[in-house]
Amino acid sequence: MMERVRKYFLSVRGEAQRVSWPSRKEVITFTVLILLMTVILAAYLGLLDVIFQQGVRVLLRLTGKVS
């Protein structure tokens, strides 16, 4: 059993050494890109929320449910 665990971890280590790791510049670039896209998506969804909120309020006023 212990031999199988040892072989497994040796295999994991070997695979990790073959991985093509990104450079520091690539990591920073992709991090900034993801943060920017997150802010843009949050603003877009927030705008949609406000638009739908106003639409529901108008519909409720038209039906007389809310004053």
N, C-alpha and C. Protein backbone atom coordinates (compact mmCIF):
# COMPACT_ATOMS: atom_id res chain seq x y z
N MET A 1 0.82 -1.20 0.00
CA MET A 1 0.00 0.00 0.00
C MET A 1 0.87 1.27 0.00
N MET A 2 1.87 1.28 0.87
CA MET A 2 2.74 2.46 0.97
C MET A 2 3.53 2.66 -0.33
N GLU A 3 3.87 1.56 -1.00
CA GLU A 3 4.60 1.66 -2.27
C GLU A 3 3.73 2.34 -3.33
N ARG A 4 2.43 2.03 -3.34
CA ARG A 4 1.51 2.65 -4.30
C ARG A 4 1.37 4.15 -4.04
N VAL A 5 1.30 4.52 -2.77
CA VAL A 5 1.21 5.94 -2.40
C VAL A 5 2.48 6.66 -2.82
N ARG A 6 3.62 6.03 -2.57
CA ARG A 6 4.91 6.62 -2.95
C ARG A 6 4.99 6.81 -4.47
N LYS A 7 4.58 5.80 -5.23
CA LYS A 7 4.59 5.90 -6.70
C LYS A 7 3.65 7.00 -7.18
N TYR A 8 2.51 7.10 -6.51
CA TYR A 8 1.55 8.15 -6.89
C TYR A 8 2.17 9.53 -6.73
N PHE A 9 2.78 9.79 -5.58
CA PHE A 9 3.36 11.11 -5.35
C PHE A 9 4.55 11.38 -6.26
N LEU A 10 5.32 10.37 -6.57
CA LEU A 10 6.42 10.54 -7.52
C LEU A 10 5.86 10.88 -8.91
N SER A 11 4.76 10.25 -9.26
CA SER A 11 4.12 10.54 -10.54
C SER A 11 3.59 11.98 -10.58
N VAL A 12 2.97 12.40 -9.49
CA VAL A 12 2.47 13.78 -9.41
C VAL A 12 3.61 14.77 -9.54
N ARG A 13 4.70 14.50 -8.87
CA ARG A 13 5.87 15.39 -8.93
C ARG A 13 6.41 15.47 -10.36
N GLY A 14 6.49 14.32 -11.04
CA GLY A 14 6.97 14.30 -12.42
C GLY A 14 6.08 15.09 -13.35
N GLU A 15 4.76 14.96 -13.16
CA GLU A 15 3.82 15.72 -13.99
C GLU A 15 3.96 17.22 -13.73
N ALA A 16 4.10 17.59 -12.48
CA ALA A 16 4.23 19.01 -12.13
C ALA A 16 5.48 19.63 -12.75
N GLN A 17 6.54 18.84 -12.90
CA GLN A 17 7.76 19.35 -13.50
C GLN A 17 7.62 19.54 -15.00
N ARG A 18 6.70 18.82 -15.63
CA ARG A 18 6.50 18.95 -17.07
C ARG A 18 5.51 20.06 -17.45
N VAL A 19 4.88 20.63 -16.45
CA VAL A 19 3.89 21.68 -16.71
C VAL A 19 4.60 22.93 -17.24
N SER A 20 3.98 23.58 -18.20
CA SER A 20 4.51 24.83 -18.73
C SER A 20 3.93 25.98 -17.90
N TRP A 21 4.71 26.48 -16.96
CA TRP A 21 4.23 27.51 -16.06
C TRP A 21 4.30 28.88 -16.74
N PRO A 22 3.29 29.74 -16.51
CA PRO A 22 3.32 31.08 -17.12
C PRO A 22 4.39 31.96 -16.48
N SER A 23 4.84 32.94 -17.25
CA SER A 23 5.82 33.88 -16.70
C SER A 23 5.12 34.85 -15.76
N ARG A 24 5.92 35.59 -15.02
CA ARG A 24 5.36 36.58 -14.09
C ARG A 24 4.54 37.63 -14.85
N LYS A 25 5.06 38.05 -16.01
CA LYS A 25 4.38 39.06 -16.82
C LYS A 25 3.02 38.53 -17.29
N GLU A 26 2.98 37.27 -17.71
CA GLU A 26 1.72 36.67 -18.16
C GLU A 26 0.70 36.59 -17.02
N VAL A 27 1.16 36.22 -15.84
CA VAL A 27 0.27 36.12 -14.69
C VAL A 27 -0.32 37.48 -14.36
N ILE A 28 0.51 38.51 -14.36
CA ILE A 28 0.03 39.87 -14.06
C ILE A 28 -0.94 40.33 -15.13
N THR A 29 -0.62 40.09 -16.40
CA THR A 29 -1.49 40.50 -17.50
C THR A 29 -2.86 39.84 -17.39
N PHE A 30 -2.87 38.53 -17.18
CA PHE A 30 -4.15 37.81 -17.10
C PHE A 30 -4.93 38.19 -15.85
N THR A 31 -4.24 38.46 -14.75
CA THR A 31 -4.92 38.88 -13.53
C THR A 31 -5.61 40.22 -13.74
N VAL A 32 -4.91 41.17 -14.35
CA VAL A 32 -5.50 42.48 -14.62
C VAL A 32 -6.69 42.32 -15.58
N LEU A 33 -6.53 41.50 -16.60
CA LEU A 33 -7.61 41.27 -17.56
C LEU A 33 -8.84 40.68 -16.87
N ILE A 34 -8.65 39.70 -16.00
CA ILE A 34 -9.78 39.09 -15.29
C ILE A 34 -10.45 40.10 -14.37
N LEU A 35 -9.66 40.90 -13.66
CA LEU A 35 -10.24 41.92 -12.78
C LEU A 35 -11.04 42.95 -13.58
N LEU A 36 -10.49 43.37 -14.72
CA LEU A 36 -11.18 44.33 -15.57
C LEU A 36 -12.50 43.75 -16.09
N MET A 37 -12.47 42.52 -16.56
CA MET A 37 -13.68 41.88 -17.06
C MET A 37 -14.72 41.70 -15.94
N THR A 38 -14.25 41.42 -14.72
CA THR A 38 -15.16 41.28 -13.58
C THR A 38 -15.86 42.60 -13.28
N VAL A 39 -15.11 43.70 -13.31
CA VAL A 39 -15.70 45.02 -13.06
C VAL A 39 -16.70 45.37 -14.16
N ILE A 40 -16.35 45.11 -15.41
CA ILE A 40 -17.25 45.41 -16.53
C ILE A 40 -18.53 44.57 -16.42
N LEU A 41 -18.40 43.29 -16.12
CA LEU A 41 -19.57 42.43 -15.99
C LEU A 41 -20.43 42.85 -14.81
N ALA A 42 -19.82 43.23 -13.70
CA ALA A 42 -20.58 43.69 -12.53
C ALA A 42 -21.36 44.96 -12.87
N ALA A 43 -20.74 45.89 -13.58
CA ALA A 43 -21.43 47.12 -13.97
C ALA A 43 -22.59 46.82 -14.91
N TYR A 44 -22.37 45.93 -15.86
CA TYR A 44 -23.41 45.54 -16.81
C TYR A 44 -24.59 44.89 -16.09
N LEU A 45 -24.32 43.95 -15.20
CA LEU A 45 -25.39 43.29 -14.46
C LEU A 45 -26.10 44.27 -13.51
N GLY A 46 -25.34 45.17 -12.92
CA GLY A 46 -25.96 46.20 -12.06
C GLY A 46 -26.90 47.09 -12.86
N LEU A 47 -26.48 47.48 -14.06
CA LEU A 47 -27.33 48.30 -14.93
C LEU A 47 -28.61 47.55 -15.30
N LEU A 48 -28.46 46.28 -15.67
CA LEU A 48 -29.65 45.47 -15.98
C LEU A 48 -30.58 45.37 -14.79
N ASP A 49 -30.03 45.22 -13.60
CA ASP A 49 -30.83 45.13 -12.39
C ASP A 49 -31.65 46.40 -12.19
N VAL A 50 -31.02 47.56 -12.37
CA VAL A 50 -31.73 48.83 -12.21
C VAL A 50 -32.84 48.96 -13.26
N ILE A 51 -32.54 48.59 -14.50
CA ILE A 51 -33.53 48.67 -15.57
C ILE A 51 -34.73 47.77 -15.27
N PHE A 52 -34.48 46.53 -14.87
CA PHE A 52 -35.58 45.61 -14.56
C PHE A 52 -36.35 46.07 -13.32
N GLN A 53 -35.65 46.62 -12.34
CA GLN A 53 -36.31 47.15 -11.15
C GLN A 53 -37.30 48.24 -11.53
N GLN A 54 -36.86 49.16 -12.36
CA GLN A 54 -37.74 50.25 -12.79
C GLN A 54 -38.91 49.71 -13.61
N GLY A 55 -38.65 48.73 -14.45
CA GLY A 55 -39.71 48.13 -15.24
C GLY A 55 -40.77 47.47 -14.37
N VAL A 56 -40.35 46.77 -13.35
CA VAL A 56 -41.30 46.13 -12.43
C VAL A 56 -42.09 47.19 -11.68
N ARG A 57 -41.43 48.25 -11.25
CA ARG A 57 -42.15 49.33 -10.55
C ARG A 57 -43.22 49.95 -11.44
N VAL A 58 -42.88 50.19 -12.71
CA VAL A 58 -43.85 50.76 -13.66
C VAL A 58 -45.02 49.81 -13.83
N LEU A 59 -44.75 48.54 -14.00
CA LEU A 59 -45.83 47.55 -14.16
C LEU A 59 -46.71 47.46 -12.93
N LEU A 60 -46.11 47.51 -11.75
CA LEU A 60 -46.90 47.45 -10.52
C LEU A 60 -47.76 48.70 -10.36
N ARG A 61 -47.24 49.85 -10.75
CA ARG A 61 -48.05 51.08 -10.69
C ARG A 61 -49.21 51.01 -11.66
N LEU A 62 -48.99 50.46 -12.85
CA LEU A 62 -50.05 50.34 -13.85
C LEU A 62 -51.16 49.40 -13.40
N THR A 63 -50.81 48.38 -12.63
CA THR A 63 -51.82 47.45 -12.16
C THR A 63 -52.46 47.91 -10.87
N GLY A 64 -51.96 48.99 -10.27
CA GLY A 64 -52.54 49.53 -9.06
C GLY A 64 -52.09 48.81 -7.80
N LYS A 65 -51.10 47.95 -7.88
CA LYS A 65 -50.64 47.19 -6.71
C LYS A 65 -49.78 48.04 -5.77
N VAL A 66 -49.11 49.04 -6.31
CA VAL A 66 -48.23 49.88 -5.51
C VAL A 66 -48.51 51.33 -5.85
N SER A 67 -48.48 52.16 -4.84
CA SER A 67 -48.72 53.58 -5.12
C SER A 67 -47.44 54.33 -5.36
